[in-house]
């Protein structure tokens, strides 16, 4: 009579889940988002009262799109990278940007109380340098 010394296999799967790895992943993602969130809003440090528009569907730009903001405050002063510049300095910055192989999208952030002619002057300068990708920022109502 032959005797088998093997254990019989259990027909049930092991239902244990190690949560330590998931908790580590959660904390890592939390830290990444805590660091990245202030960087997202970094360019919006200029205090400008943007014009108000109604909310509507907008398309999201792809991740490779670069943006450059031009801010015009209520007094008509121009800002490039949060630095006060004259219009001639702004024109030279636009000339340098137009010389790039893939120029960024220019974001015009103008104060709502500003005369619209100042915005049109910047748009004419963009057109003169061949920078056709631009957008005008505004506040949305809910």
Protein backbone atom coordinates (compact mmCIF):
# COMPACT_ATOMS: atom_id res chain seq x y z
CA UNK A 1 0.00 0.00 0.00
CA UNK A 2 1.50 3.28 -1.18
CA UNK A 3 1.18 6.30 0.97
CA UNK A 4 1.38 9.88 -0.40
CA UNK A 5 3.04 12.49 1.70
CA UNK A 6 2.01 15.49 -0.40
CA UNK A 7 -0.41 18.06 0.91
CA UNK A 8 -3.55 18.49 -1.00
CA UNK A 9 -3.83 21.81 -2.85
CA UNK A 10 -6.36 24.22 -1.55
CA UNK A 11 -8.96 25.07 -4.16
CA UNK A 12 -9.44 28.62 -2.82
CA UNK A 13 -7.32 31.55 -4.00
CA UNK A 14 -5.35 33.55 -1.45
CA UNK A 15 -7.39 36.68 -0.73
CA UNK A 16 -4.75 38.74 1.02
CA UNK A 17 -3.86 42.21 -0.25
CA UNK A 18 -0.82 44.10 0.95
CA UNK A 19 -1.99 47.68 1.54
CA UNK A 20 1.44 49.05 2.44
CA UNK A 21 2.40 49.58 -1.20
CA UNK A 22 -0.91 51.29 -1.97
CA UNK A 23 -0.53 53.65 0.99
CA UNK A 24 3.02 54.52 -0.10
CA UNK A 25 1.75 55.26 -3.60
CA UNK A 26 -1.04 57.45 -2.22
CA UNK A 27 1.35 59.51 -0.12
CA UNK A 28 3.76 59.87 -3.06
CA UNK A 29 0.99 61.17 -5.31
CA UNK A 30 -0.16 63.54 -2.57
CA UNK A 31 3.33 65.02 -2.26
CA UNK A 32 3.64 65.40 -6.05
CA UNK A 33 0.32 67.25 -6.26
CA UNK A 34 1.21 69.45 -3.29
CA UNK A 35 4.42 70.50 -5.03
CA UNK A 36 2.91 70.89 -8.52
CA UNK A 37 -0.20 72.89 -7.59
CA UNK A 38 1.57 76.18 -6.76
CA UNK A 39 3.57 75.91 -9.98
CA UNK A 40 0.39 75.72 -12.04
CA UNK A 41 -0.84 79.08 -10.74
CA UNK A 42 2.59 80.72 -10.75
CA UNK A 43 2.02 82.96 -13.77
CA UNK A 44 -1.18 84.40 -12.35
CA UNK A 45 0.61 86.44 -9.71
CA UNK A 46 -0.22 89.80 -11.31
CA UNK A 47 -3.32 91.35 -9.77
CA UNK A 48 -5.48 91.96 -12.84
CA UNK A 49 -9.27 92.17 -12.93
CA UNK A 50 -9.95 90.11 -16.04
CA UNK A 51 -13.08 90.79 -18.11
CA UNK A 52 -16.04 88.52 -17.31
CA UNK A 53 -17.49 86.10 -19.85
CA UNK A 54 -20.04 83.32 -19.65
CA UNK A 55 -18.77 79.79 -19.11
CA UNK A 56 -18.62 77.60 -22.17
CA UNK A 57 -16.88 74.50 -23.47
CA UNK A 58 -13.18 74.97 -24.12
CA UNK A 59 -10.71 72.58 -25.65
CA UNK A 60 -7.68 71.59 -23.63
CA UNK A 61 -4.25 72.23 -25.17
CA UNK A 62 -1.87 69.31 -25.53
CA UNK A 63 0.89 68.86 -22.98
CA UNK A 64 3.67 70.04 -25.32
CA UNK A 65 2.13 73.52 -25.74
CA UNK A 66 4.14 76.29 -24.12
CA UNK A 67 2.56 79.56 -23.03
CA UNK A 68 3.94 83.09 -22.58
CA UNK A 69 1.82 85.66 -20.77
CA UNK A 70 1.67 89.37 -21.52
CA UNK A 71 -0.13 91.24 -18.74
CA UNK A 72 -1.61 94.72 -19.19
CA UNK A 73 -2.73 96.29 -15.92
CA UNK A 74 -5.45 98.93 -15.42
CA UNK A 75 -2.94 101.78 -15.91
CA UNK A 76 -1.79 100.42 -19.29
CA UNK A 77 1.58 99.08 -18.10
CA UNK A 78 2.95 96.01 -19.90
CA UNK A 79 4.44 93.04 -18.03
CA UNK A 80 6.57 90.23 -19.52
CA UNK A 81 7.30 87.38 -17.09
CA UNK A 82 6.00 89.56 -14.24
CA UNK A 83 8.55 92.28 -15.11
CA UNK A 84 7.43 95.77 -16.04
CA UNK A 85 8.55 96.56 -19.61
CA UNK A 86 7.96 99.40 -22.04
CA UNK A 87 6.22 98.73 -25.35
CA UNK A 88 9.55 98.85 -27.22
CA UNK A 89 11.01 96.25 -24.83
CA UNK A 90 7.88 94.13 -25.30
CA UNK A 91 8.37 94.42 -29.06
CA UNK A 92 11.96 93.16 -28.77
CA UNK A 93 10.80 90.22 -26.59
CA UNK A 94 8.21 89.34 -29.23
CA UNK A 95 10.90 89.52 -31.91
CA UNK A 96 13.01 87.01 -29.94
CA UNK A 97 10.03 84.70 -29.44
CA UNK A 98 9.13 84.85 -33.14
CA UNK A 99 12.67 83.66 -34.01
CA UNK A 100 12.16 80.39 -32.12
CA UNK A 101 11.50 77.19 -34.08
CA UNK A 102 8.24 76.54 -32.22
CA UNK A 103 7.03 79.79 -30.66
CA UNK A 104 4.76 79.58 -27.61
CA UNK A 105 1.10 80.53 -27.47
CA UNK A 106 0.86 84.14 -26.30
CA UNK A 107 -1.67 84.71 -23.51
CA UNK A 108 -2.91 88.28 -23.24
CA UNK A 109 -4.14 89.02 -19.73
CA UNK A 110 -5.63 92.51 -19.79
CA UNK A 111 -7.46 94.31 -16.98
CA UNK A 112 -11.21 94.58 -17.54
CA UNK A 113 -11.24 98.36 -17.00
CA UNK A 114 -8.50 98.90 -19.61
CA UNK A 115 -9.21 100.64 -22.91
CA UNK A 116 -9.47 98.00 -25.61
CA UNK A 117 -7.04 99.92 -27.81
CA UNK A 118 -4.14 98.74 -25.60
CA UNK A 119 -5.09 95.11 -26.28
CA UNK A 120 -5.37 95.80 -30.00
CA UNK A 121 -1.90 97.41 -29.97
CA UNK A 122 -0.43 94.21 -28.50
CA UNK A 123 -2.35 92.08 -31.00
CA UNK A 124 -1.00 94.23 -33.87
CA UNK A 125 2.54 93.72 -32.55
CA UNK A 126 1.94 89.95 -32.44
CA UNK A 127 0.65 90.00 -36.01
CA UNK A 128 3.64 92.09 -37.14
CA UNK A 129 6.03 89.42 -35.78
CA UNK A 130 4.03 86.55 -37.29
CA UNK A 131 2.83 85.18 -33.95
CA UNK A 132 -0.65 83.94 -34.81
CA UNK A 133 -1.25 81.67 -31.82
CA UNK A 134 -2.70 83.84 -29.08
CA UNK A 135 -5.46 83.76 -26.53
CA UNK A 136 -7.15 86.37 -24.36
CA UNK A 137 -7.78 85.35 -20.75
CA UNK A 138 -11.02 86.19 -18.99
CA UNK A 139 -12.98 85.28 -15.86
CA UNK A 140 -15.95 82.99 -16.25
CA UNK A 141 -19.27 83.25 -14.46
CA UNK A 142 -20.94 80.13 -13.17
